[in-house]
Amino acid sequence: ELHGKDPVADIRRYALEAMEALAPGLCAV
């Protein structure tokens, strides 16, 4: 419900961006 008209595609985009950006400060996802 937070990802617009094509939620799966937008979740994919956002999750990939978030994992890549946050990875240096994470131990796991």
mmCIF file of all heavy atoms, coordinates in Angstrom:
data_MODEL
# 
_entry.id   MODEL 
# 
loop_
_atom_site.group_PDB 
_atom_site.id 
_atom_site.type_symbol 
_atom_site.label_atom_id 
_atom_site.label_alt_id 
_atom_site.label_comp_id 
_atom_site.label_asym_id 
_atom_site.label_entity_id 
_atom_site.label_seq_id 
_atom_site.pdbx_PDB_ins_code 
_atom_site.Cartn_x 
_atom_site.Cartn_y 
_atom_site.Cartn_z 
_atom_site.occupancy 
_atom_site.B_iso_or_equiv 
_atom_site.pdbx_formal_charge 
_atom_site.auth_seq_id 
_atom_site.auth_comp_id 
_atom_site.auth_asym_id 
_atom_site.auth_atom_id 
_atom_site.pdbx_PDB_model_num 
ATOM 1   N N   . GLU A 1 1  ? 0.807  -1.218  0.000   1.00 0.00 ? 1  GLU A N   1 
ATOM 2   C CA  . GLU A 1 1  ? 0.000  0.000   0.000   1.00 0.00 ? 1  GLU A CA  1 
ATOM 3   C C   . GLU A 1 1  ? 0.838  1.266   0.000   1.00 0.00 ? 1  GLU A C   1 
ATOM 4   O O   . GLU A 1 1  ? 0.332  2.366   -0.260  1.00 0.00 ? 1  GLU A O   1 
ATOM 5   C CB  . GLU A 1 1  ? -0.950 0.005   1.206   1.00 0.00 ? 1  GLU A CB  1 
ATOM 6   C CG  . GLU A 1 1  ? -0.284 0.081   2.568   1.00 0.00 ? 1  GLU A CG  1 
ATOM 7   C CD  . GLU A 1 1  ? 0.118  -1.271  3.140   1.00 0.00 ? 1  GLU A CD  1 
ATOM 8   O OE1 . GLU A 1 1  ? 0.154  -2.264  2.382   1.00 0.00 ? 1  GLU A OE1 1 
ATOM 9   O OE2 . GLU A 1 1  ? 0.399  -1.327  4.361   1.00 0.00 ? 1  GLU A OE2 1 
ATOM 10  N N   . LEU A 1 2  ? 2.140  1.128   0.257   1.00 0.00 ? 2  LEU A N   1 
ATOM 11  C CA  . LEU A 1 2  ? 3.040  2.287   0.264   1.00 0.00 ? 2  LEU A CA  1 
ATOM 12  C C   . LEU A 1 2  ? 3.780  2.454   -1.058  1.00 0.00 ? 2  LEU A C   1 
ATOM 13  O O   . LEU A 1 2  ? 4.641  3.338   -1.164  1.00 0.00 ? 2  LEU A O   1 
ATOM 14  C CB  . LEU A 1 2  ? 4.062  2.139   1.400   1.00 0.00 ? 2  LEU A CB  1 
ATOM 15  C CG  . LEU A 1 2  ? 3.510  2.037   2.822   1.00 0.00 ? 2  LEU A CG  1 
ATOM 16  C CD1 . LEU A 1 2  ? 4.641  1.827   3.827   1.00 0.00 ? 2  LEU A CD1 1 
ATOM 17  C CD2 . LEU A 1 2  ? 2.705  3.280   3.180   1.00 0.00 ? 2  LEU A CD2 1 
ATOM 18  N N   . HIS A 1 3  ? 3.439  1.640   -2.057  1.00 0.00 ? 3  HIS A N   1 
ATOM 19  C CA  . HIS A 1 3  ? 4.268  1.600   -3.269  1.00 0.00 ? 3  HIS A CA  1 
ATOM 20  C C   . HIS A 1 3  ? 3.496  1.815   -4.566  1.00 0.00 ? 3  HIS A C   1 
ATOM 21  O O   . HIS A 1 3  ? 3.880  1.306   -5.615  1.00 0.00 ? 3  HIS A O   1 
ATOM 22  C CB  . HIS A 1 3  ? 5.024  0.269   -3.307  1.00 0.00 ? 3  HIS A CB  1 
ATOM 23  C CG  . HIS A 1 3  ? 6.102  0.171   -2.280  1.00 0.00 ? 3  HIS A CG  1 
ATOM 24  N ND1 . HIS A 1 3  ? 7.371  0.656   -2.464  1.00 0.00 ? 3  HIS A ND1 1 
ATOM 25  C CD2 . HIS A 1 3  ? 6.076  -0.329  -1.010  1.00 0.00 ? 3  HIS A CD2 1 
ATOM 26  C CE1 . HIS A 1 3  ? 8.099  0.444   -1.383  1.00 0.00 ? 3  HIS A CE1 1 
ATOM 27  N NE2 . HIS A 1 3  ? 7.335  -0.147  -0.476  1.00 0.00 ? 3  HIS A NE2 1 
ATOM 28  N N   . GLY A 1 4  ? 2.436  2.583   -4.535  1.00 0.00 ? 4  GLY A N   1 
ATOM 29  C CA  . GLY A 1 4  ? 1.815  3.041   -5.756  1.00 0.00 ? 4  GLY A CA  1 
ATOM 30  C C   . GLY A 1 4  ? 1.073  1.991   -6.556  1.00 0.00 ? 4  GLY A C   1 
ATOM 31  O O   . GLY A 1 4  ? 0.651  0.952   -6.037  1.00 0.00 ? 4  GLY A O   1 
ATOM 32  N N   . LYS A 1 5  ? 0.927  2.262   -7.867  1.00 0.00 ? 5  LYS A N   1 
ATOM 33  C CA  . LYS A 1 5  ? 0.080  1.446   -8.736  1.00 0.00 ? 5  LYS A CA  1 
ATOM 34  C C   . LYS A 1 5  ? 0.723  0.127   -9.141  1.00 0.00 ? 5  LYS A C   1 
ATOM 35  O O   . LYS A 1 5  ? 0.021  -0.808  -9.537  1.00 0.00 ? 5  LYS A O   1 
ATOM 36  C CB  . LYS A 1 5  ? -0.293 2.241   -9.991  1.00 0.00 ? 5  LYS A CB  1 
ATOM 37  C CG  . LYS A 1 5  ? -1.162 3.462   -9.700  1.00 0.00 ? 5  LYS A CG  1 
ATOM 38  C CD  . LYS A 1 5  ? -1.526 4.200   -10.977 1.00 0.00 ? 5  LYS A CD  1 
ATOM 39  C CE  . LYS A 1 5  ? -2.401 5.410   -10.684 1.00 0.00 ? 5  LYS A CE  1 
ATOM 40  N NZ  . LYS A 1 5  ? -2.759 6.150   -11.923 1.00 0.00 ? 5  LYS A NZ  1 
ATOM 41  N N   . ASP A 1 6  ? 2.036  0.054   -9.102  1.00 0.00 ? 6  ASP A N   1 
ATOM 42  C CA  . ASP A 1 6  ? 2.747  -1.187  -9.440  1.00 0.00 ? 6  ASP A CA  1 
ATOM 43  C C   . ASP A 1 6  ? 3.627  -1.557  -8.251  1.00 0.00 ? 6  ASP A C   1 
ATOM 44  O O   . ASP A 1 6  ? 4.846  -1.374  -8.282  1.00 0.00 ? 6  ASP A O   1 
ATOM 45  C CB  . ASP A 1 6  ? 3.583  -0.979  -10.709 1.00 0.00 ? 6  ASP A CB  1 
ATOM 46  C CG  . ASP A 1 6  ? 4.147  -2.285  -11.259 1.00 0.00 ? 6  ASP A CG  1 
ATOM 47  O OD1 . ASP A 1 6  ? 3.950  -3.344  -10.614 1.00 0.00 ? 6  ASP A OD1 1 
ATOM 48  O OD2 . ASP A 1 6  ? 4.793  -2.251  -12.322 1.00 0.00 ? 6  ASP A OD2 1 
ATOM 49  N N   . PRO A 1 7  ? 3.015  -2.057  -7.184  1.00 0.00 ? 7  PRO A N   1 
ATOM 50  C CA  . PRO A 1 7  ? 3.754  -2.190  -5.919  1.00 0.00 ? 7  PRO A CA  1 
ATOM 51  C C   . PRO A 1 7  ? 4.944  -3.132  -5.981  1.00 0.00 ? 7  PRO A C   1 
ATOM 52  O O   . PRO A 1 7  ? 5.988  -2.842  -5.389  1.00 0.00 ? 7  PRO A O   1 
ATOM 53  C CB  . PRO A 1 7  ? 2.692  -2.677  -4.935  1.00 0.00 ? 7  PRO A CB  1 
ATOM 54  C CG  . PRO A 1 7  ? 1.598  -3.238  -5.763  1.00 0.00 ? 7  PRO A CG  1 
ATOM 55  C CD  . PRO A 1 7  ? 1.607  -2.466  -7.035  1.00 0.00 ? 7  PRO A CD  1 
ATOM 56  N N   . VAL A 1 8  ? 4.834  -4.257  -6.678  1.00 0.00 ? 8  VAL A N   1 
ATOM 57  C CA  . VAL A 1 8  ? 5.947  -5.207  -6.689  1.00 0.00 ? 8  VAL A CA  1 
ATOM 58  C C   . VAL A 1 8  ? 7.171  -4.587  -7.354  1.00 0.00 ? 8  VAL A C   1 
ATOM 59  O O   . VAL A 1 8  ? 8.299  -4.700  -6.851  1.00 0.00 ? 8  VAL A O   1 
ATOM 60  C CB  . VAL A 1 8  ? 5.536  -6.514  -7.387  1.00 0.00 ? 8  VAL A CB  1 
ATOM 61  C CG1 . VAL A 1 8  ? 6.753  -7.433  -7.573  1.00 0.00 ? 8  VAL A CG1 1 
ATOM 62  C CG2 . VAL A 1 8  ? 4.472  -7.239  -6.566  1.00 0.00 ? 8  VAL A CG2 1 
ATOM 63  N N   . ALA A 1 9  ? 6.965  -3.912  -8.466  1.00 0.00 ? 9  ALA A N   1 
ATOM 64  C CA  . ALA A 1 9  ? 8.087  -3.265  -9.150  1.00 0.00 ? 9  ALA A CA  1 
ATOM 65  C C   . ALA A 1 9  ? 8.694  -2.176  -8.279  1.00 0.00 ? 9  ALA A C   1 
ATOM 66  O O   . ALA A 1 9  ? 9.934  -2.020  -8.225  1.00 0.00 ? 9  ALA A O   1 
ATOM 67  C CB  . ALA A 1 9  ? 7.627  -2.686  -10.484 1.00 0.00 ? 9  ALA A CB  1 
ATOM 68  N N   . ASP A 1 10 ? 7.862  -1.406  -7.576  1.00 0.00 ? 10 ASP A N   1 
ATOM 69  C CA  . ASP A 1 10 ? 8.393  -0.320  -6.753  1.00 0.00 ? 10 ASP A CA  1 
ATOM 70  C C   . ASP A 1 10 ? 9.071  -0.863  -5.502  1.00 0.00 ? 10 ASP A C   1 
ATOM 71  O O   . ASP A 1 10 ? 10.089 -0.314  -5.061  1.00 0.00 ? 10 ASP A O   1 
ATOM 72  C CB  . ASP A 1 10 ? 7.278  0.642   -6.369  1.00 0.00 ? 10 ASP A CB  1 
ATOM 73  C CG  . ASP A 1 10 ? 7.824  1.976   -5.889  1.00 0.00 ? 10 ASP A CG  1 
ATOM 74  O OD1 . ASP A 1 10 ? 8.546  2.634   -6.669  1.00 0.00 ? 10 ASP A OD1 1 
ATOM 75  O OD2 . ASP A 1 10 ? 7.552  2.357   -4.726  1.00 0.00 ? 10 ASP A OD2 1 
ATOM 76  N N   . ILE A 1 11 ? 8.536  -1.938  -4.924  1.00 0.00 ? 11 ILE A N   1 
ATOM 77  C CA  . ILE A 1 11 ? 9.223  -2.576  -3.789  1.00 0.00 ? 11 ILE A CA  1 
ATOM 78  C C   . ILE A 1 11 ? 10.588 -3.070  -4.230  1.00 0.00 ? 11 ILE A C   1 
ATOM 79  O O   . ILE A 1 11 ? 11.588 -2.895  -3.509  1.00 0.00 ? 11 ILE A O   1 
ATOM 80  C CB  . ILE A 1 11 ? 8.374  -3.743  -3.229  1.00 0.00 ? 11 ILE A CB  1 
ATOM 81  C CG1 . ILE A 1 11 ? 7.115  -3.217  -2.546  1.00 0.00 ? 11 ILE A CG1 1 
ATOM 82  C CG2 . ILE A 1 11 ? 9.194  -4.574  -2.240  1.00 0.00 ? 11 ILE A CG2 1 
ATOM 83  C CD1 . ILE A 1 11 ? 6.086  -4.289  -2.248  1.00 0.00 ? 11 ILE A CD1 1 
ATOM 84  N N   . ARG A 1 12 ? 10.656 -3.686  -5.406  1.00 0.00 ? 12 ARG A N   1 
ATOM 85  C CA  . ARG A 1 12 ? 11.941 -4.176  -5.922  1.00 0.00 ? 12 ARG A CA  1 
ATOM 86  C C   . ARG A 1 12 ? 12.941 -3.030  -6.032  1.00 0.00 ? 12 ARG A C   1 
ATOM 87  O O   . ARG A 1 12 ? 14.080 -3.131  -5.550  1.00 0.00 ? 12 ARG A O   1 
ATOM 88  C CB  . ARG A 1 12 ? 11.738 -4.829  -7.289  1.00 0.00 ? 12 ARG A CB  1 
ATOM 89  C CG  . ARG A 1 12 ? 13.048 -5.283  -7.948  1.00 0.00 ? 12 ARG A CG  1 
ATOM 90  C CD  . ARG A 1 12 ? 12.824 -5.815  -9.352  1.00 0.00 ? 12 ARG A CD  1 
ATOM 91  N NE  . ARG A 1 12 ? 12.097 -7.073  -9.339  1.00 0.00 ? 12 ARG A NE  1 
ATOM 92  C CZ  . ARG A 1 12 ? 10.839 -7.226  -9.723  1.00 0.00 ? 12 ARG A CZ  1 
ATOM 93  N NH1 . ARG A 1 12 ? 10.137 -6.154  -10.153 1.00 0.00 ? 12 ARG A NH1 1 
ATOM 94  N NH2 . ARG A 1 12 ? 10.262 -8.399  -9.696  1.00 0.00 ? 12 ARG A NH2 1 
ATOM 95  N N   . ARG A 1 13 ? 12.520 -1.945  -6.665  1.00 0.00 ? 13 ARG A N   1 
ATOM 96  C CA  . ARG A 1 13 ? 13.421 -0.799  -6.849  1.00 0.00 ? 13 ARG A CA  1 
ATOM 97  C C   . ARG A 1 13 ? 13.893 -0.256  -5.503  1.00 0.00 ? 13 ARG A C   1 
ATOM 98  O O   . ARG A 1 13 ? 15.094 -0.073  -5.280  1.00 0.00 ? 13 ARG A O   1 
ATOM 99  C CB  . ARG A 1 13 ? 12.697 0.303   -7.629  1.00 0.00 ? 13 ARG A CB  1 
ATOM 100 C CG  . ARG A 1 13 ? 13.507 1.583   -7.782  1.00 0.00 ? 13 ARG A CG  1 
ATOM 101 C CD  . ARG A 1 13 ? 12.634 2.760   -8.178  1.00 0.00 ? 13 ARG A CD  1 
ATOM 102 N NE  . ARG A 1 13 ? 11.587 3.042   -7.199  1.00 0.00 ? 13 ARG A NE  1 
ATOM 103 C CZ  . ARG A 1 13 ? 11.799 3.685   -6.049  1.00 0.00 ? 13 ARG A CZ  1 
ATOM 104 N NH1 . ARG A 1 13 ? 13.025 4.097   -5.726  1.00 0.00 ? 13 ARG A NH1 1 
ATOM 105 N NH2 . ARG A 1 13 ? 10.801 3.901   -5.206  1.00 0.00 ? 13 ARG A NH2 1 
ATOM 106 N N   . TYR A 1 14 ? 12.956 -0.013  -4.597  1.00 0.00 ? 14 TYR A N   1 
ATOM 107 C CA  . TYR A 1 14 ? 13.314 0.600   -3.322  1.00 0.00 ? 14 TYR A CA  1 
ATOM 108 C C   . TYR A 1 14 ? 14.164 -0.336  -2.471  1.00 0.00 ? 14 TYR A C   1 
ATOM 109 O O   . TYR A 1 14 ? 15.152 0.099   -1.850  1.00 0.00 ? 14 TYR A O   1 
ATOM 110 C CB  . TYR A 1 14 ? 12.047 0.994   -2.568  1.00 0.00 ? 14 TYR A CB  1 
ATOM 111 C CG  . TYR A 1 14 ? 12.320 1.609   -1.215  1.00 0.00 ? 14 TYR A CG  1 
ATOM 112 C CD1 . TYR A 1 14 ? 13.009 2.816   -1.101  1.00 0.00 ? 14 TYR A CD1 1 
ATOM 113 C CD2 . TYR A 1 14 ? 11.898 0.984   -0.043  1.00 0.00 ? 14 TYR A CD2 1 
ATOM 114 C CE1 . TYR A 1 14 ? 13.271 3.382   0.140   1.00 0.00 ? 14 TYR A CE1 1 
ATOM 115 C CE2 . TYR A 1 14 ? 12.148 1.547   1.201   1.00 0.00 ? 14 TYR A CE2 1 
ATOM 116 C CZ  . TYR A 1 14 ? 12.831 2.748   1.285   1.00 0.00 ? 14 TYR A CZ  1 
ATOM 117 O OH  . TYR A 1 14 ? 13.096 3.301   2.516   1.00 0.00 ? 14 TYR A OH  1 
ATOM 118 N N   . ALA A 1 15 ? 13.820 -1.610  -2.424  1.00 0.00 ? 15 ALA A N   1 
ATOM 119 C CA  . ALA A 1 15 ? 14.592 -2.554  -1.613  1.00 0.00 ? 15 ALA A CA  1 
ATOM 120 C C   . ALA A 1 15 ? 16.022 -2.680  -2.116  1.00 0.00 ? 15 ALA A C   1 
ATOM 121 O O   . ALA A 1 15 ? 16.973 -2.727  -1.317  1.00 0.00 ? 15 ALA A O   1 
ATOM 122 C CB  . ALA A 1 15 ? 13.906 -3.918  -1.600  1.00 0.00 ? 15 ALA A CB  1 
ATOM 123 N N   . LEU A 1 16 ? 16.193 -2.729  -3.429  1.00 0.00 ? 16 LEU A N   1 
ATOM 124 C CA  . LEU A 1 16 ? 17.546 -2.811  -3.981  1.00 0.00 ? 16 LEU A CA  1 
ATOM 125 C C   . LEU A 1 16 ? 18.347 -1.560  -3.643  1.00 0.00 ? 16 LEU A C   1 
ATOM 126 O O   . LEU A 1 16 ? 19.518 -1.633  -3.243  1.00 0.00 ? 16 LEU A O   1 
ATOM 127 C CB  . LEU A 1 16 ? 17.488 -3.016  -5.492  1.00 0.00 ? 16 LEU A CB  1 
ATOM 128 C CG  . LEU A 1 16 ? 16.997 -4.383  -5.966  1.00 0.00 ? 16 LEU A CG  1 
ATOM 129 C CD1 . LEU A 1 16 ? 16.762 -4.379  -7.476  1.00 0.00 ? 16 LEU A CD1 1 
ATOM 130 C CD2 . LEU A 1 16 ? 17.992 -5.480  -5.596  1.00 0.00 ? 16 LEU A CD2 1 
ATOM 131 N N   . GLU A 1 17 ? 17.722 -0.398  -3.806  1.00 0.00 ? 17 GLU A N   1 
ATOM 132 C CA  . GLU A 1 17 ? 18.413 0.850   -3.470  1.00 0.00 ? 17 GLU A CA  1 
ATOM 133 C C   . GLU A 1 17 ? 18.766 0.911   -1.990  1.00 0.00 ? 17 GLU A C   1 
ATOM 134 O O   . GLU A 1 17 ? 19.871 1.327   -1.611  1.00 0.00 ? 17 GLU A O   1 
ATOM 135 C CB  . GLU A 1 17 ? 17.538 2.044   -3.851  1.00 0.00 ? 17 GLU A CB  1 
ATOM 136 C CG  . GLU A 1 17 ? 17.385 2.256   -5.349  1.00 0.00 ? 17 GLU A CG  1 
ATOM 137 C CD  . GLU A 1 17 ? 16.467 3.424   -5.669  1.00 0.00 ? 17 GLU A CD  1 
ATOM 138 O OE1 . GLU A 1 17 ? 15.864 3.997   -4.720  1.00 0.00 ? 17 GLU A OE1 1 
ATOM 139 O OE2 . GLU A 1 17 ? 16.341 3.758   -6.862  1.00 0.00 ? 17 GLU A OE2 1 
ATOM 140 N N   . ALA A 1 18 ? 17.828 0.498   -1.133  1.00 0.00 ? 18 ALA A N   1 
ATOM 141 C CA  . ALA A 1 18 ? 18.066 0.562   0.302   1.00 0.00 ? 18 ALA A CA  1 
ATOM 142 C C   . ALA A 1 18 ? 19.176 -0.396  0.723   1.00 0.00 ? 18 ALA A C   1 
ATOM 143 O O   . ALA A 1 18 ? 20.061 -0.028  1.514   1.00 0.00 ? 18 ALA A O   1 
ATOM 144 C CB  . ALA A 1 18 ? 16.775 0.256   1.059   1.00 0.00 ? 18 ALA A CB  1 
ATOM 145 N N   . MET A 1 19 ? 19.148 -1.629  0.212   1.00 0.00 ? 19 MET A N   1 
ATOM 146 C CA  . MET A 1 19 ? 20.187 -2.587  0.594   1.00 0.00 ? 19 MET A CA  1 
ATOM 147 C C   . MET A 1 19 ? 21.567 -2.093  0.158   1.00 0.00 ? 19 MET A C   1 
ATOM 148 O O   . MET A 1 19 ? 22.535 -2.176  0.923   1.00 0.00 ? 19 MET A O   1 
ATOM 149 C CB  . MET A 1 19 ? 19.894 -3.966  -0.011  1.00 0.00 ? 19 MET A CB  1 
ATOM 150 C CG  . MET A 1 19 ? 18.759 -4.693  0.657   1.00 0.00 ? 19 MET A CG  1 
ATOM 151 S SD  . MET A 1 19 ? 18.670 -6.461  0.217   1.00 0.00 ? 19 MET A SD  1 
ATOM 152 C CE  . MET A 1 19 ? 18.382 -6.369  -1.546  1.00 0.00 ? 19 MET A CE  1 
ATOM 153 N N   . GLU A 1 20 ? 21.664 -1.592  -1.049  1.00 0.00 ? 20 GLU A N   1 
ATOM 154 C CA  . GLU A 1 20 ? 22.963 -1.128  -1.540  1.00 0.00 ? 20 GLU A CA  1 
ATOM 155 C C   . GLU A 1 20 ? 23.469 0.061   -0.726  1.00 0.00 ? 20 GLU A C   1 
ATOM 156 O O   . GLU A 1 20 ? 24.647 0.115   -0.347  1.00 0.00 ? 20 GLU A O   1 
ATOM 157 C CB  . GLU A 1 20 ? 22.873 -0.752  -3.016  1.00 0.00 ? 20 GLU A CB  1 
ATOM 158 C CG  . GLU A 1 20 ? 24.211 -0.337  -3.618  1.00 0.00 ? 20 GLU A CG  1 
ATOM 159 C CD  . GLU A 1 20 ? 24.145 -0.110  -5.111  1.00 0.00 ? 20 GLU A CD  1 
ATOM 160 O OE1 . GLU A 1 20 ? 23.038 0.106   -5.654  1.00 0.00 ? 20 GLU A OE1 1 
ATOM 161 O OE2 . GLU A 1 20 ? 25.213 -0.151  -5.749  1.00 0.00 ? 20 GLU A OE2 1 
ATOM 162 N N   . ALA A 1 21 ? 22.583 1.017   -0.443  1.00 0.00 ? 21 ALA A N   1 
ATOM 163 C CA  . ALA A 1 21 ? 23.002 2.219   0.269   1.00 0.00 ? 21 ALA A CA  1 
ATOM 164 C C   . ALA A 1 21 ? 23.345 1.948   1.731   1.00 0.00 ? 21 ALA A C   1 
ATOM 165 O O   . ALA A 1 21 ? 24.292 2.524   2.281   1.00 0.00 ? 21 ALA A O   1 
ATOM 166 C CB  . ALA A 1 21 ? 21.891 3.274   0.185   1.00 0.00 ? 21 ALA A CB  1 
ATOM 167 N N   . LEU A 1 22 ? 22.589 1.062   2.363   1.00 0.00 ? 22 LEU A N   1 
ATOM 168 C CA  . LEU A 1 22 ? 22.765 0.817   3.798   1.00 0.00 ? 22 LEU A CA  1 
ATOM 169 C C   . LEU A 1 22 ? 23.780 -0.275  4.103   1.00 0.00 ? 22 LEU A C   1 
ATOM 170 O O   . LEU A 1 22 ? 24.212 -0.414  5.256   1.00 0.00 ? 22 LEU A O   1 
ATOM 171 C CB  . LEU A 1 22 ? 21.421 0.440   4.425   1.00 0.00 ? 22 LEU A CB  1 
ATOM 172 C CG  . LEU A 1 22 ? 20.287 1.471   4.337   1.00 0.00 ? 22 LEU A CG  1 
ATOM 173 C CD1 . LEU A 1 22 ? 18.985 0.876   4.867   1.00 0.00 ? 22 LEU A CD1 1 
ATOM 174 C CD2 . LEU A 1 22 ? 20.639 2.732   5.105   1.00 0.00 ? 22 LEU A CD2 1 
ATOM 175 N N   . ALA A 1 23 ? 24.170 -1.060  3.103   1.00 0.00 ? 23 ALA A N   1 
ATOM 176 C CA  . ALA A 1 23 ? 25.001 -2.255  3.320   1.00 0.00 ? 23 ALA A CA  1 
ATOM 177 C C   . ALA A 1 23 ? 26.248 -2.016  4.168   1.00 0.00 ? 23 ALA A C   1 
ATOM 178 O O   . ALA A 1 23 ? 26.549 -2.838  5.043   1.00 0.00 ? 23 ALA A O   1 
ATOM 179 C CB  . ALA A 1 23 ? 25.375 -2.884  1.981   1.00 0.00 ? 23 ALA A CB  1 
ATOM 180 N N   . PRO A 1 24 ? 27.001 -0.938  3.975   1.00 0.00 ? 24 PRO A N   1 
ATOM 181 C CA  . PRO A 1 24 ? 28.227 -0.785  4.772   1.00 0.00 ? 24 PRO A CA  1 
ATOM 182 C C   . PRO A 1 24 ? 27.985 -0.724  6.276   1.00 0.00 ? 24 PRO A C   1 
ATOM 183 O O   . PRO A 1 24 ? 28.877 -1.035  7.060   1.00 0.00 ? 24 PRO A O   1 
ATOM 184 C CB  . PRO A 1 24 ? 28.828 0.533   4.254   1.00 0.00 ? 24 PRO A CB  1 
ATOM 185 C CG  . PRO A 1 24 ? 28.282 0.676   2.877   1.00 0.00 ? 24 PRO A CG  1 
ATOM 186 C CD  . PRO A 1 24 ? 26.888 0.128   2.958   1.00 0.00 ? 24 PRO A CD  1 
ATOM 187 N N   . GLY A 1 25 ? 26.786 -0.319  6.691   1.00 0.00 ? 25 GLY A N   1 
ATOM 188 C CA  . GLY A 1 25 ? 26.492 -0.203  8.119   1.00 0.00 ? 25 GLY A CA  1 
ATOM 189 C C   . GLY A 1 25 ? 25.578 -1.286  8.641   1.00 0.00 ? 25 GLY A C   1 
ATOM 190 O O   . GLY A 1 25 ? 24.943 -1.104  9.685   1.00 0.00 ? 25 GLY A O   1 
ATOM 191 N N   . LEU A 1 26 ? 25.500 -2.415  7.932   1.00 0.00 ? 26 LEU A N   1 
ATOM 192 C CA  . LEU A 1 26 ? 24.622 -3.515  8.343   1.00 0.00 ? 26 LEU A CA  1 
ATOM 193 C C   . LEU A 1 26 ? 25.423 -4.791  8.558   1.00 0.00 ? 26 LEU A C   1 
ATOM 194 O O   . LEU A 1 26 ? 26.443 -5.014  7.910   1.00 0.00 ? 26 LEU A O   1 
ATOM 195 C CB  . LEU A 1 26 ? 23.571 -3.793  7.260   1.00 0.00 ? 26 LEU A CB  1 
ATOM 196 C CG  . LEU A 1 26 ? 22.589 -2.678  6.911   1.00 0.00 ? 26 LEU A CG  1 
ATOM 197 C CD1 . LEU A 1 26 ? 21.747 -3.096  5.713   1.00 0.00 ? 26 LEU A CD1 1 
ATOM 198 C CD2 . LEU A 1 26 ? 21.708 -2.323  8.102   1.00 0.00 ? 26 LEU A CD2 1 
ATOM 199 N N   . CYS A 1 27 ? 24.914 -5.648  9.456   1.00 0.00 ? 27 CYS A N   1 
ATOM 200 C CA  . CYS A 1 27 ? 25.485 -6.986  9.573   1.00 0.00 ? 27 CYS A CA  1 
ATOM 201 C C   . CYS A 1 27 ? 24.703 -7.989  8.736   1.00 0.00 ? 27 CYS A C   1 
ATOM 202 O O   . CYS A 1 27 ? 25.234 -9.035  8.353   1.00 0.00 ? 27 CYS A O   1 
ATOM 203 C CB  . CYS A 1 27 ? 25.549 -7.447  11.028  1.00 0.00 ? 27 CYS A CB  1 
ATOM 204 S SG  . CYS A 1 27 ? 23.950 -7.609  11.835  1.00 0.00 ? 27 CYS A SG  1 
ATOM 205 N N   . ALA A 1 28 ? 23.420 -7.683  8.452   1.00 0.00 ? 28 ALA A N   1 
ATOM 206 C CA  . ALA A 1 28 ? 22.589 -8.627  7.695   1.00 0.00 ? 28 ALA A CA  1 
ATOM 207 C C   . ALA A 1 28 ? 21.321 -7.923  7.250   1.00 0.00 ? 28 ALA A C   1 
ATOM 208 O O   . ALA A 1 28 ? 20.989 -6.829  7.728   1.00 0.00 ? 28 ALA A O   1 
ATOM 209 C CB  . ALA A 1 28 ? 22.236 -9.850  8.548   1.00 0.00 ? 28 ALA A CB  1 
ATOM 210 N N   . VAL A 1 29 ? 20.610 -8.570  6.329   1.00 0.00 ? 29 VAL A N   1 
ATOM 211 C CA  . VAL A 1 29 ? 19.274 -8.137  5.949   1.00 0.00 ? 29 VAL A CA  1 
ATOM 212 C C   . VAL A 1 29 ? 18.316 -9.268  6.282   1.00 0.00 ? 29 VAL A C   1 
ATOM 213 O O   . VAL A 1 29 ? 18.610 -10.440 6.041   1.00 0.00 ? 29 VAL A O   1 
ATOM 214 C CB  . VAL A 1 29 ? 19.193 -7.740  4.458   1.00 0.00 ? 29 VAL A CB  1 
ATOM 215 C CG1 . VAL A 1 29 ? 19.622 -8.882  3.553   1.00 0.00 ? 29 VAL A CG1 1 
ATOM 216 C CG2 . VAL A 1 29 ? 17.791 -7.264  4.082   1.00 0.00 ? 29 VAL A CG2 1 
# 
